[in-house]
């Protein structure tokens, strides 16, 4: 069993910043990719950012590129999402996800989510 736990969500005004954190654990689990997805009410889940530990490769959705930064510690199976210059359209539940395979768009292990609300 793999457990994924997120933290750091909250309410912030437009232009502000938040830092999300995530940790994955399991008896024999070692992540290959970790990332963030988000889902707003009435909208489909969308990819936000991910990191592939092999080569420290990062990936970003066009909508957040230049504003969000993903980082982490492979040895601790942890990842962070620094979100700057937040916009009201960033409002969503943010989910951390991970897997032992390389496909960062189809992870199998998910956290419960943390709410991010950006006011005007």
PDB file of N, CA and C in Angstrom:
ATOM      1  N   UNK A   1       0.835  -1.185   0.000  1.00  0.00           N
ATOM      2  CA  UNK A   1       0.000   0.000   0.000  1.00  0.00           C
ATOM      3  C   UNK A   1       0.877   1.244   0.000  1.00  0.00           C
ATOM      4  N   UNK A   2       0.470   2.242  -0.778  1.00  0.00           N
ATOM      5  CA  UNK A   2       1.185   3.500  -0.877  1.00  0.00           C
ATOM      6  C   UNK A   2       0.288   4.604  -0.339  1.00  0.00           C
ATOM      7  N   UNK A   3       0.814   5.376   0.583  1.00  0.00           N
ATOM      8  CA  UNK A   3       0.091   6.501   1.154  1.00  0.00           C
ATOM      9  C   UNK A   3       0.674   7.806   0.635  1.00  0.00           C
ATOM     10  N   UNK A   4      -0.201   8.717   0.220  1.00  0.00           N
ATOM     11  CA  UNK A   4       0.205  10.013  -0.304  1.00  0.00           C
ATOM     12  C   UNK A   4      -0.524  11.084   0.501  1.00  0.00           C
ATOM     13  N   UNK A   5       0.220  12.020   1.068  1.00  0.00           N
ATOM     14  CA  UNK A   5      -0.354  13.046   1.933  1.00  0.00           C
ATOM     15  C   UNK A   5       0.099  14.420   1.475  1.00  0.00           C
ATOM     16  N   UNK A   6      -0.883  15.314   1.231  1.00  0.00           N
ATOM     17  CA  UNK A   6      -0.601  16.687   0.821  1.00  0.00           C
ATOM     18  C   UNK A   6      -0.885  17.653   1.963  1.00  0.00           C
ATOM     19  N   UNK A   7      -0.269  18.827   1.869  1.00  0.00           N
ATOM     20  CA  UNK A   7      -0.538  19.897   2.813  1.00  0.00           C
ATOM     21  C   UNK A   7      -0.181  21.229   2.166  1.00  0.00           C
ATOM     22  N   UNK A   8      -0.652  22.319   2.768  1.00  0.00           N
ATOM     23  CA  UNK A   8      -0.253  23.644   2.341  1.00  0.00           C
ATOM     24  C   UNK A   8      -1.300  24.465   1.626  1.00  0.00           C
ATOM     25  N   UNK A   9      -2.474  23.902   1.365  1.00  0.00           N
ATOM     26  CA  UNK A   9      -3.519  24.662   0.703  1.00  0.00           C
ATOM     27  C   UNK A   9      -4.068  25.750   1.595  1.00  0.00           C
ATOM     28  N   UNK A  10      -4.823  26.662   0.990  1.00  0.00           N
ATOM     29  CA  UNK A  10      -5.408  27.745   1.757  1.00  0.00           C
ATOM     30  C   UNK A  10      -6.030  28.798   0.877  1.00  0.00           C
ATOM     31  N   UNK A  11      -6.360  29.922   1.499  1.00  0.00           N
ATOM     32  CA  UNK A  11      -6.969  31.058   0.823  1.00  0.00           C
ATOM     33  C   UNK A  11      -5.934  32.155   0.656  1.00  0.00           C
ATOM     34  N   UNK A  12      -5.834  32.678  -0.546  1.00  0.00           N
ATOM     35  CA  UNK A  12      -4.861  33.724  -0.834  1.00  0.00           C
ATOM     36  C   UNK A  12      -5.454  34.686  -1.859  1.00  0.00           C
ATOM     37  N   UNK A  13      -5.042  35.943  -1.794  1.00  0.00           N
ATOM     38  CA  UNK A  13      -5.493  36.925  -2.772  1.00  0.00           C
ATOM     39  C   UNK A  13      -4.712  36.797  -4.073  1.00  0.00           C
ATOM     40  N   UNK A  14      -5.325  37.243  -5.147  1.00  0.00           N
ATOM     41  CA  UNK A  14      -4.654  37.223  -6.443  1.00  0.00           C
ATOM     42  C   UNK A  14      -3.309  37.931  -6.353  1.00  0.00           C
ATOM     43  N   UNK A  15      -2.303  37.315  -6.956  1.00  0.00           N
ATOM     44  CA  UNK A  15      -0.955  37.840  -6.893  1.00  0.00           C
ATOM     45  C   UNK A  15      -0.128  37.273  -5.759  1.00  0.00           C
ATOM     46  N   UNK A  16      -0.762  36.566  -4.849  1.00  0.00           N
ATOM     47  CA  UNK A  16      -0.069  35.992  -3.711  1.00  0.00           C
ATOM     48  C   UNK A  16       0.572  34.658  -4.027  1.00  0.00           C
ATOM     49  N   UNK A  17       1.110  34.027  -2.978  1.00  0.00           N
ATOM     50  CA  UNK A  17       1.843  32.780  -3.136  1.00  0.00           C
ATOM     51  C   UNK A  17       1.405  31.741  -2.113  1.00  0.00           C
ATOM     52  N   UNK A  18       1.550  30.482  -2.483  1.00  0.00           N
ATOM     53  CA  UNK A  18       1.359  29.346  -1.597  1.00  0.00           C
ATOM     54  C   UNK A  18       2.393  28.293  -1.929  1.00  0.00           C
ATOM     55  N   UNK A  19       2.724  27.476  -0.945  1.00  0.00           N
ATOM     56  CA  UNK A  19       3.649  26.366  -1.141  1.00  0.00           C
ATOM     57  C   UNK A  19       2.977  25.081  -0.682  1.00  0.00           C
ATOM     58  N   UNK A  20       2.776  24.162  -1.610  1.00  0.00           N
ATOM     59  CA  UNK A  20       2.195  22.870  -1.314  1.00  0.00           C
ATOM     60  C   UNK A  20       3.301  21.849  -1.093  1.00  0.00           C
ATOM     61  N   UNK A  21       3.039  20.889  -0.208  1.00  0.00           N
ATOM     62  CA  UNK A  21       3.994  19.832   0.065  1.00  0.00           C
ATOM     63  C   UNK A  21       3.305  18.487  -0.018  1.00  0.00           C
ATOM     64  N   UNK A  22       4.065  17.455  -0.345  1.00  0.00           N
ATOM     65  CA  UNK A  22       3.522  16.114  -0.493  1.00  0.00           C
ATOM     66  C   UNK A  22       4.585  15.100  -0.105  1.00  0.00           C
ATOM     67  N   UNK A  23       4.150  14.048   0.570  1.00  0.00           N
ATOM     68  CA  UNK A  23       5.036  12.953   0.921  1.00  0.00           C
ATOM     69  C   UNK A  23       4.354  11.629   0.609  1.00  0.00           C
ATOM     70  N   UNK A  24       5.070  10.733  -0.023  1.00  0.00           N
ATOM     71  CA  UNK A  24       4.575   9.398  -0.334  1.00  0.00           C
ATOM     72  C   UNK A  24       5.361   8.373   0.463  1.00  0.00           C
ATOM     73  N   UNK A  25       4.678   7.331   0.887  1.00  0.00           N
ATOM     74  CA  UNK A  25       5.345   6.302   1.671  1.00  0.00           C
ATOM     75  C   UNK A  25       4.738   4.935   1.382  1.00  0.00           C
ATOM     76  N   UNK A  26       5.536   3.919   1.597  1.00  0.00           N
ATOM     77  CA  UNK A  26       5.117   2.542   1.427  1.00  0.00           C
ATOM     78  C   UNK A  26       6.256   1.629   1.810  1.00  0.00           C
ATOM     79  N   UNK A  27       5.930   0.414   2.204  1.00  0.00           N
ATOM     80  CA  UNK A  27       6.946  -0.487   2.733  1.00  0.00           C
ATOM     81  C   UNK A  27       8.086  -0.709   1.738  1.00  0.00           C
ATOM     82  N   UNK A  28       7.747  -0.896   0.473  1.00  0.00           N
ATOM     83  CA  UNK A  28       8.757  -1.123  -0.557  1.00  0.00           C
ATOM     84  C   UNK A  28       8.674  -0.123  -1.698  1.00  0.00           C
ATOM     85  N   UNK A  29       7.910   0.952  -1.496  1.00  0.00           N
ATOM     86  CA  UNK A  29       7.676   1.885  -2.583  1.00  0.00           C
ATOM     87  C   UNK A  29       8.812   2.887  -2.739  1.00  0.00           C
ATOM     88  N   UNK A  30       9.192   3.107  -3.981  1.00  0.00           N
ATOM     89  CA  UNK A  30      10.133   4.154  -4.332  1.00  0.00           C
ATOM     90  C   UNK A  30       9.593   4.841  -5.579  1.00  0.00           C
ATOM     91  N   UNK A  31       9.336   6.131  -5.486  1.00  0.00           N
ATOM     92  CA  UNK A  31       8.709   6.838  -6.595  1.00  0.00           C
ATOM     93  C   UNK A  31       9.681   7.042  -7.746  1.00  0.00           C
ATOM     94  N   UNK A  32       9.135   6.994  -8.954  1.00  0.00           N
ATOM     95  CA  UNK A  32       9.894   7.344 -10.149  1.00  0.00           C
ATOM     96  C   UNK A  32       9.493   8.732 -10.628  1.00  0.00           C
ATOM     97  N   UNK A  33       8.202   9.038 -10.489  1.00  0.00           N
ATOM     98  CA  UNK A  33       7.685  10.361 -10.808  1.00  0.00           C
ATOM     99  C   UNK A  33       6.759  10.800  -9.693  1.00  0.00           C
ATOM    100  N   UNK A  34       6.708  12.097  -9.454  1.00  0.00           N
ATOM    101  CA  UNK A  34       5.742  12.696  -8.543  1.00  0.00           C
ATOM    102  C   UNK A  34       5.238  13.978  -9.189  1.00  0.00           C
ATOM    103  N   UNK A  35       3.970  14.277  -8.951  1.00  0.00           N
ATOM    104  CA  UNK A  35       3.437  15.466  -9.574  1.00  0.00           C
ATOM    105  C   UNK A  35       2.160  15.965  -8.947  1.00  0.00           C
ATOM    106  N   UNK A  36       1.636  17.012  -9.577  1.00  0.00           N
ATOM    107  CA  UNK A  36       0.444  17.684  -9.088  1.00  0.00           C
ATOM    108  C   UNK A  36      -0.587  17.806 -10.193  1.00  0.00           C
ATOM    109  N   UNK A  37      -1.842  17.566  -9.830  1.00  0.00           N
ATOM    110  CA  UNK A  37      -2.988  17.764 -10.687  1.00  0.00           C
ATOM    111  C   UNK A  37      -3.981  18.647  -9.939  1.00  0.00           C
ATOM    112  N   UNK A  38      -4.932  19.223 -10.662  1.00  0.00           N
ATOM    113  CA  UNK A  38      -5.944  20.032  -9.999  1.00  0.00           C
ATOM    114  C   UNK A  38      -7.291  19.847 -10.681  1.00  0.00           C
ATOM    115  N   UNK A  39      -8.358  20.084  -9.912  1.00  0.00           N
ATOM    116  CA  UNK A  39      -9.701  19.978 -10.440  1.00  0.00           C
ATOM    117  C   UNK A  39     -10.565  21.070  -9.839  1.00  0.00           C
ATOM    118  N   UNK A  40     -11.127  21.900 -10.701  1.00  0.00           N
ATOM    119  CA  UNK A  40     -12.051  22.944 -10.292  1.00  0.00           C
ATOM    120  C   UNK A  40     -13.480  22.433 -10.446  1.00  0.00           C
ATOM    121  N   UNK A  41     -14.438  23.013  -9.704  1.00  0.00           N
ATOM    122  CA  UNK A  41     -15.827  22.570  -9.813  1.00  0.00           C
ATOM    123  C   UNK A  41     -16.335  22.640 -11.250  1.00  0.00           C
ATOM    124  N   UNK A  42     -16.945  21.553 -11.703  1.00  0.00           N
ATOM    125  CA  UNK A  42     -17.503  21.509 -13.039  1.00  0.00           C
ATOM    126  C   UNK A  42     -16.494  21.315 -14.154  1.00  0.00           C
ATOM    127  N   UNK A  43     -15.234  21.134 -13.816  1.00  0.00           N
ATOM    128  CA  UNK A  43     -14.198  20.962 -14.818  1.00  0.00           C
ATOM    129  C   UNK A  43     -13.480  19.628 -14.618  1.00  0.00           C
ATOM    130  N   UNK A  44     -12.843  19.163 -15.680  1.00  0.00           N
ATOM    131  CA  UNK A  44     -12.086  17.928 -15.603  1.00  0.00           C
ATOM    132  C   UNK A  44     -10.764  18.147 -14.884  1.00  0.00           C
ATOM    133  N   UNK A  45     -10.243  17.072 -14.327  1.00  0.00           N
ATOM    134  CA  UNK A  45      -8.932  17.120 -13.716  1.00  0.00           C
ATOM    135  C   UNK A  45      -7.882  17.459 -14.766  1.00  0.00           C
ATOM    136  N   UNK A  46      -6.933  18.309 -14.406  1.00  0.00           N
ATOM    137  CA  UNK A  46      -5.880  18.673 -15.340  1.00  0.00           C
ATOM    138  C   UNK A  46      -4.503  18.569 -14.696  1.00  0.00           C
ATOM    139  N   UNK A  47      -3.543  18.287 -15.530  1.00  0.00           N
ATOM    140  CA  UNK A  47      -2.158  18.203 -15.097  1.00  0.00           C
ATOM    141  C   UNK A  47      -1.604  19.584 -14.796  1.00  0.00           C
ATOM    142  N   UNK A  48      -0.788  19.691 -13.746  1.00  0.00           N
ATOM    143  CA  UNK A  48      -0.185  20.958 -13.361  1.00  0.00           C
ATOM    144  C   UNK A  48       1.334  20.922 -13.511  1.00  0.00           C
ATOM    145  N   UNK A  49       1.985  19.997 -12.812  1.00  0.00           N
ATOM    146  CA  UNK A  49       3.437  19.920 -12.832  1.00  0.00           C
ATOM    147  C   UNK A  49       3.875  18.552 -12.346  1.00  0.00           C
ATOM    148  N   UNK A  50       5.060  18.129 -12.758  1.00  0.00           N
ATOM    149  CA  UNK A  50       5.600  16.848 -12.324  1.00  0.00           C
ATOM    150  C   UNK A  50       7.111  16.874 -12.374  1.00  0.00           C
ATOM    151  N   UNK A  51       7.712  15.941 -11.640  1.00  0.00           N
ATOM    152  CA  UNK A  51       9.158  15.768 -11.666  1.00  0.00           C
ATOM    153  C   UNK A  51       9.467  14.290 -11.853  1.00  0.00           C
ATOM    154  N   UNK A  52      10.397  14.005 -12.747  1.00  0.00           N
ATOM    155  CA  UNK A  52      10.923  12.668 -12.943  1.00  0.00           C
ATOM    156  C   UNK A  52      12.294  12.632 -12.308  1.00  0.00           C
ATOM    157  N   UNK A  53      12.448  11.776 -11.300  1.00  0.00           N
ATOM    158  CA  UNK A  53      13.682  11.794 -10.533  1.00  0.00           C
ATOM    159  C   UNK A  53      14.906  11.463 -11.372  1.00  0.00           C
ATOM    160  N   UNK A  54      14.755  10.548 -12.305  1.00  0.00           N
ATOM    161  CA  UNK A  54      15.855  10.215 -13.196  1.00  0.00           C
ATOM    162  C   UNK A  54      16.152  11.407 -14.097  1.00  0.00           C
ATOM    163  N   UNK A  55      17.269  12.050 -13.858  1.00  0.00           N
ATOM    164  CA  UNK A  55      17.639  13.231 -14.618  1.00  0.00           C
ATOM    165  C   UNK A  55      17.062  14.525 -14.079  1.00  0.00           C
ATOM    166  N   UNK A  56      16.303  14.452 -12.994  1.00  0.00           N
ATOM    167  CA  UNK A  56      15.676  15.638 -12.387  1.00  0.00           C
ATOM    168  C   UNK A  56      14.898  16.435 -13.428  1.00  0.00           C
ATOM    169  N   UNK A  57      14.159  15.746 -14.256  1.00  0.00           N
ATOM    170  CA  UNK A  57      13.390  16.390 -15.309  1.00  0.00           C
ATOM    171  C   UNK A  57      12.054  16.888 -14.771  1.00  0.00           C
ATOM    172  N   UNK A  58      11.713  18.137 -15.076  1.00  0.00           N
ATOM    173  CA  UNK A  58      10.447  18.713 -14.647  1.00  0.00           C
ATOM    174  C   UNK A  58       9.551  18.999 -15.842  1.00  0.00           C
ATOM    175  N   UNK A  59       8.239  18.990 -15.589  1.00  0.00           N
ATOM    176  CA  UNK A  59       7.237  19.212 -16.613  1.00  0.00           C
ATOM    177  C   UNK A  59       6.184  20.162 -16.048  1.00  0.00           C
ATOM    178  N   UNK A  60       5.688  21.074 -16.893  1.00  0.00           N
ATOM    179  CA  UNK A  60       4.701  22.047 -16.456  1.00  0.00           C
ATOM    180  C   UNK A  60       3.614  22.224 -17.502  1.00  0.00           C
ATOM    181  N   UNK A  61       2.397  22.430 -17.021  1.00  0.00           N
ATOM    182  CA  UNK A  61       1.331  22.853 -17.908  1.00  0.00           C
ATOM    183  C   UNK A  61       1.604  24.279 -18.359  1.00  0.00           C
ATOM    184  N   UNK A  62       1.200  24.599 -19.582  1.00  0.00           N
ATOM    185  CA  UNK A  62       1.427  25.945 -20.104  1.00  0.00           C
ATOM    186  C   UNK A  62       0.790  27.020 -19.217  1.00  0.00           C
ATOM    187  N   UNK A  63      -0.323  26.700 -18.596  1.00  0.00           N
ATOM    188  CA  UNK A  63      -1.053  27.669 -17.797  1.00  0.00           C
ATOM    189  C   UNK A  63      -0.315  28.099 -16.530  1.00  0.00           C
ATOM    190  N   UNK A  64       0.661  27.307 -16.082  1.00  0.00           N
ATOM    191  CA  UNK A  64       1.383  27.631 -14.850  1.00  0.00           C
ATOM    192  C   UNK A  64       2.868  27.861 -15.077  1.00  0.00           C
ATOM    193  N   UNK A  65       3.342  27.632 -16.263  1.00  0.00           N
ATOM    194  CA  UNK A  65       4.764  27.780 -16.556  1.00  0.00           C
ATOM    195  C   UNK A  65       5.219  29.209 -16.276  1.00  0.00           C
ATOM    196  N   UNK A  66       6.322  29.333 -15.549  1.00  0.00           N
ATOM    197  CA  UNK A  66       6.834  30.637 -15.174  1.00  0.00           C
ATOM    198  C   UNK A  66       6.307  31.147 -13.856  1.00  0.00           C
ATOM    199  N   UNK A  67       5.243  30.541 -13.344  1.00  0.00           N
ATOM    200  CA  UNK A  67       4.658  30.950 -12.066  1.00  0.00           C
ATOM    201  C   UNK A  67       4.832  29.889 -10.983  1.00  0.00           C
ATOM    202  N   UNK A  68       4.760  28.622 -11.365  1.00  0.00           N
ATOM    203  CA  UNK A  68       4.869  27.515 -10.417  1.00  0.00           C
ATOM    204  C   UNK A  68       6.218  26.826 -10.589  1.00  0.00           C
ATOM    205  N   UNK A  69       6.759  26.310  -9.492  1.00  0.00           N
ATOM    206  CA  UNK A  69       8.011  25.566  -9.520  1.00  0.00           C
ATOM    207  C   UNK A  69       7.870  24.301  -8.691  1.00  0.00           C
ATOM    208  N   UNK A  70       8.215  23.164  -9.287  1.00  0.00           N
ATOM    209  CA  UNK A  70       8.171  21.900  -8.568  1.00  0.00           C
ATOM    210  C   UNK A  70       9.588  21.504  -8.171  1.00  0.00           C
ATOM    211  N   UNK A  71       9.734  20.968  -6.973  1.00  0.00           N
ATOM    212  CA  UNK A  71      11.022  20.508  -6.474  1.00  0.00           C
ATOM    213  C   UNK A  71      10.775  19.406  -5.461  1.00  0.00           C
ATOM    214  N   UNK A  72      11.835  18.728  -5.042  1.00  0.00           N
ATOM    215  CA  UNK A  72      11.636  17.686  -4.051  1.00  0.00           C
ATOM    216  C   UNK A  72      12.894  16.940  -3.701  1.00  0.00           C
ATOM    217  N   UNK A  73      12.704  15.842  -2.993  1.00  0.00           N
ATOM    218  CA  UNK A  73      13.783  14.994  -2.507  1.00  0.00           C
ATOM    219  C   UNK A  73      13.403  13.556  -2.811  1.00  0.00           C
ATOM    220  N   UNK A  74      14.070  12.959  -3.784  1.00  0.00           N
ATOM    221  CA  UNK A  74      13.762  11.587  -4.183  1.00  0.00           C
ATOM    222  C   UNK A  74      13.964  10.593  -3.035  1.00  0.00           C
ATOM    223  N   UNK A  75      15.019  10.796  -2.262  1.00  0.00           N
ATOM    224  CA  UNK A  75      15.298   9.887  -1.158  1.00  0.00           C
ATOM    225  C   UNK A  75      14.205   9.858  -0.103  1.00  0.00           C
ATOM    226  N   UNK A  76      13.481  10.956   0.022  1.00  0.00           N
ATOM    227  CA  UNK A  76      12.401  11.055   1.002  1.00  0.00           C
ATOM    228  C   UNK A  76      11.025  10.903   0.369  1.00  0.00           C
ATOM    229  N   UNK A  77      10.958  10.678  -0.944  1.00  0.00           N
ATOM    230  CA  UNK A  77       9.685  10.606  -1.665  1.00  0.00           C
ATOM    231  C   UNK A  77       8.810  11.814  -1.351  1.00  0.00           C
ATOM    232  N   UNK A  78       9.412  12.988  -1.414  1.00  0.00           N
ATOM    233  CA  UNK A  78       8.688  14.217  -1.136  1.00  0.00           C
ATOM    234  C   UNK A  78       8.797  15.174  -2.318  1.00  0.00           C
ATOM    235  N   UNK A  79       7.793  16.022  -2.452  1.00  0.00           N
ATOM    236  CA  UNK A  79       7.766  17.003  -3.519  1.00  0.00           C
ATOM    237  C   UNK A  79       7.057  18.258  -3.019  1.00  0.00           C
ATOM    238  N   UNK A  80       7.433  19.399  -3.585  1.00  0.00           N
ATOM    239  CA  UNK A  80       6.831  20.676  -3.231  1.00  0.00           C
ATOM    240  C   UNK A  80       6.392  21.388  -4.500  1.00  0.00           C
ATOM    241  N   UNK A  81       5.383  22.215  -4.362  1.00  0.00           N
ATOM    242  CA  UNK A  81       4.936  23.057  -5.463  1.00  0.00           C
ATOM    243  C   UNK A  81       4.863  24.487  -4.961  1.00  0.00           C
ATOM    244  N   UNK A  82       5.813  25.301  -5.394  1.00  0.00           N
ATOM    245  CA  UNK A  82       5.805  26.717  -5.065  1.00  0.00           C
ATOM    246  C   UNK A  82       4.958  27.434  -6.102  1.00  0.00           C
ATOM    247  N   UNK A  83       3.885  28.072  -5.649  1.00  0.00           N
ATOM    248  CA  UNK A  83       2.942  28.738  -6.535  1.00  0.00           C
ATOM    249  C   UNK A  83       3.016  30.236  -6.286  1.00  0.00           C
ATOM    250  N   UNK A  84       3.459  30.973  -7.283  1.00  0.00           N
ATOM    251  CA  UNK A  84       3.567  32.423  -7.210  1.00  0.00           C
ATOM    252  C   UNK A  84       2.620  33.065  -8.213  1.00  0.00           C
ATOM    253  N   UNK A  85       2.365  34.350  -8.018  1.00  0.00           N
ATOM    254  CA  UNK A  85       1.504  35.120  -8.919  1.00  0.00           C
ATOM    255  C   UNK A  85       0.184  34.402  -9.171  1.00  0.00           C
ATOM    256  N   UNK A  86      -0.437  33.964  -8.105  1.00  0.00           N
ATOM    257  CA  UNK A  86      -1.665  33.187  -8.225  1.00  0.00           C
ATOM    258  C   UNK A  86      -2.803  34.012  -8.815  1.00  0.00           C
ATOM    259  N   UNK A  87      -3.633  33.329  -9.597  1.00  0.00           N
ATOM    260  CA  UNK A  87      -4.773  33.930 -10.260  1.00  0.00           C
ATOM    261  C   UNK A  87      -6.054  33.257  -9.794  1.00  0.00           C
ATOM    262  N   UNK A  88      -7.195  33.947  -9.880  1.00  0.00           N
ATOM    263  CA  UNK A  88      -8.460  33.303  -9.500  1.00  0.00           C
ATOM    264  C   UNK A  88      -8.710  31.994 -10.243  1.00  0.00           C
ATOM    265  N   UNK A  89      -8.274  31.886 -11.478  1.00  0.00           N
ATOM    266  CA  UNK A  89      -8.468  30.660 -12.238  1.00  0.00           C
ATOM    267  C   UNK A  89      -7.608  29.498 -11.748  1.00  0.00           C
ATOM    268  N   UNK A  90      -6.695  29.750 -10.810  1.00  0.00           N
ATOM    269  CA  UNK A  90      -5.937  28.678 -10.176  1.00  0.00           C
ATOM    270  C   UNK A  90      -6.729  27.994  -9.068  1.00  0.00           C
ATOM    271  N   UNK A  91      -7.873  28.539  -8.711  1.00  0.00           N
ATOM    272  CA  UNK A  91      -8.699  27.962  -7.657  1.00  0.00           C
ATOM    273  C   UNK A  91      -9.122  26.547  -8.028  1.00  0.00           C
ATOM    274  N   UNK A  92      -8.811  25.598  -7.160  1.00  0.00           N
ATOM    275  CA  UNK A  92      -9.112  24.191  -7.422  1.00  0.00           C
ATOM    276  C   UNK A  92      -8.683  23.364  -6.228  1.00  0.00           C
ATOM    277  N   UNK A  93      -9.074  22.101  -6.245  1.00  0.00           N
ATOM    278  CA  UNK A  93      -8.492  21.128  -5.339  1.00  0.00           C
ATOM    279  C   UNK A  93      -7.240  20.582  -6.010  1.00  0.00           C
ATOM    280  N   UNK A  94      -6.127  20.660  -5.315  1.00  0.00           N
ATOM    281  CA  UNK A  94      -4.854  20.201  -5.850  1.00  0.00           C
ATOM    282  C   UNK A  94      -4.519  18.833  -5.278  1.00  0.00           C
ATOM    283  N   UNK A  95      -4.213  17.903  -6.172  1.00  0.00           N
ATOM    284  CA  UNK A  95      -3.910  16.532  -5.796  1.00  0.00           C
ATOM    285  C   UNK A  95      -2.455  16.202  -6.103  1.00  0.00           C
ATOM    286  N   UNK A  96      -1.803  15.571  -5.154  1.00  0.00           N
ATOM    287  CA  UNK A  96      -0.472  15.029  -5.369  1.00  0.00           C
ATOM    288  C   UNK A  96      -0.599  13.585  -5.825  1.00  0.00           C
ATOM    289  N   UNK A  97       0.250  13.179  -6.748  1.00  0.00           N
ATOM    290  CA  UNK A  97       0.203  11.821  -7.254  1.00  0.00           C
ATOM    291  C   UNK A  97       1.607  11.322  -7.555  1.00  0.00           C
ATOM    292  N   UNK A  98       1.760   9.998  -7.528  1.00  0.00           N
ATOM    293  CA  UNK A  98       3.077   9.419  -7.756  1.00  0.00           C
ATOM    294  C   UNK A  98       2.948   8.015  -8.313  1.00  0.00           C
ATOM    295  N   UNK A  99       4.051   7.504  -8.836  1.00  0.00           N
ATOM    296  CA  UNK A  99       4.081   6.136  -9.328  1.00  0.00           C
ATOM    297  C   UNK A  99       5.526   5.678  -9.449  1.00  0.00           C
ATOM    298  N   UNK A 100       5.681   4.378  -9.545  1.00  0.00           N
ATOM    299  CA  UNK A 100       6.992   3.782  -9.756  1.00  0.00           C
ATOM    300  C   UNK A 100       7.327   3.626 -11.232  1.00  0.00           C
ATOM    301  N   UNK A 101       6.398   3.999 -12.115  1.00  0.00           N
ATOM    302  CA  UNK A 101       6.691   3.977 -13.536  1.00  0.00           C
ATOM    303  C   UNK A 101       6.929   5.394 -14.044  1.00  0.00           C
ATOM    304  N   UNK A 102       7.235   5.523 -15.328  1.00  0.00           N
ATOM    305  CA  UNK A 102       7.726   6.786 -15.861  1.00  0.00           C
ATOM    306  C   UNK A 102       6.649   7.701 -16.415  1.00  0.00           C
ATOM    307  N   UNK A 103       5.416   7.240 -16.526  1.00  0.00           N
ATOM    308  CA  UNK A 103       4.349   8.027 -17.131  1.00  0.00           C
ATOM    309  C   UNK A 103       3.765   8.992 -16.099  1.00  0.00           C
ATOM    310  N   UNK A 104       4.236  10.234 -16.113  1.00  0.00           N
ATOM    311  CA  UNK A 104       3.802  11.209 -15.120  1.00  0.00           C
ATOM    312  C   UNK A 104       2.371  11.683 -15.327  1.00  0.00           C
ATOM    313  N   UNK A 105       1.776  11.380 -16.480  1.00  0.00           N
ATOM    314  CA  UNK A 105       0.396  11.764 -16.741  1.00  0.00           C
ATOM    315  C   UNK A 105      -0.613  10.715 -16.293  1.00  0.00           C
ATOM    316  N   UNK A 106      -0.150   9.539 -15.920  1.00  0.00           N
ATOM    317  CA  UNK A 106      -1.039   8.459 -15.492  1.00  0.00           C
ATOM    318  C   UNK A 106      -0.543   7.804 -14.202  1.00  0.00           C
ATOM    319  N   UNK A 107      -0.340   8.563 -13.152  1.00  0.00           N
ATOM    320  CA  UNK A 107       0.089   7.971 -11.878  1.00  0.00           C
ATOM    321  C   UNK A 107      -1.023   7.155 -11.243  1.00  0.00           C
ATOM    322  N   UNK A 108      -0.653   6.164 -10.457  1.00  0.00           N
ATOM    323  CA  UNK A 108      -1.621   5.269  -9.843  1.00  0.00           C
ATOM    324  C   UNK A 108      -1.935   5.591  -8.392  1.00  0.00           C
ATOM    325  N   UNK A 109      -1.085   6.351  -7.727  1.00  0.00           N
ATOM    326  CA  UNK A 109      -1.257   6.605  -6.302  1.00  0.00           C
ATOM    327  C   UNK A 109      -1.520   8.078  -6.065  1.00  0.00           C
ATOM    328  N   UNK A 110      -2.632   8.361  -5.368  1.00  0.00           N
ATOM    329  CA  UNK A 110      -3.126   9.722  -5.225  1.00  0.00           C
ATOM    330  C   UNK A 110      -3.376  10.104  -3.775  1.00  0.00           C
ATOM    331  N   UNK A 111      -3.158  11.377  -3.468  1.00  0.00           N
ATOM    332  CA  UNK A 111      -3.543  11.909  -2.179  1.00  0.00           C
ATOM    333  C   UNK A 111      -4.997  12.337  -2.172  1.00  0.00           C
ATOM    334  N   UNK A 112      -5.460  12.817  -1.026  1.00  0.00           N
ATOM    335  CA  UNK A 112      -6.851  13.223  -0.868  1.00  0.00           C
ATOM    336  C   UNK A 112      -7.142  14.612  -1.422  1.00  0.00           C
ATOM    337  N   UNK A 113      -6.126  15.407  -1.644  1.00  0.00           N
ATOM    338  CA  UNK A 113      -6.297  16.732  -2.184  1.00  0.00           C
ATOM    339  C   UNK A 113      -6.255  17.814  -1.123  1.00  0.00           C
ATOM    340  N   UNK A 114      -5.880  19.011  -1.537  1.00  0.00           N
ATOM    341  CA  UNK A 114      -5.870  20.172  -0.671  1.00  0.00           C
ATOM    342  C   UNK A 114      -6.440  21.358  -1.443  1.00  0.00           C
ATOM    343  N   UNK A 115      -7.331  22.105  -0.799  1.00  0.00           N
ATOM    344  CA  UNK A 115      -8.041  23.189  -1.472  1.00  0.00           C
ATOM    345  C   UNK A 115      -7.172  24.429  -1.575  1.00  0.00           C
ATOM    346  N   UNK A 116      -7.122  24.997  -2.771  1.00  0.00           N
ATOM    347  CA  UNK A 116      -6.476  26.280  -3.010  1.00  0.00           C
ATOM    348  C   UNK A 116      -7.533  27.231  -3.553  1.00  0.00           C
ATOM    349  N   UNK A 117      -7.738  28.339  -2.859  1.00  0.00           N
ATOM    350  CA  UNK A 117      -8.711  29.336  -3.283  1.00  0.00           C
ATOM    351  C   UNK A 117      -8.020  30.676  -3.454  1.00  0.00           C
ATOM    352  N   UNK A 118      -8.166  31.263  -4.630  1.00  0.00           N
ATOM    353  CA  UNK A 118      -7.548  32.549  -4.943  1.00  0.00           C
ATOM    354  C   UNK A 118      -8.654  33.561  -5.170  1.00  0.00           C
ATOM    355  N   UNK A 119      -8.690  34.591  -4.349  1.00  0.00           N
ATOM    356  CA  UNK A 119      -9.719  35.619  -4.446  1.00  0.00           C
ATOM    357  C   UNK A 119      -9.213  36.807  -5.247  1.00  0.00           C
ATOM    358  N   UNK A 120     -10.158  37.576  -5.791  1.00  0.00           N
ATOM    359  CA  UNK A 120      -9.813  38.744  -6.596  1.00  0.00           C
ATOM    360  C   UNK A 120      -9.368  39.904  -5.725  1.00  0.00           C
TER     361      UNK A 120
END
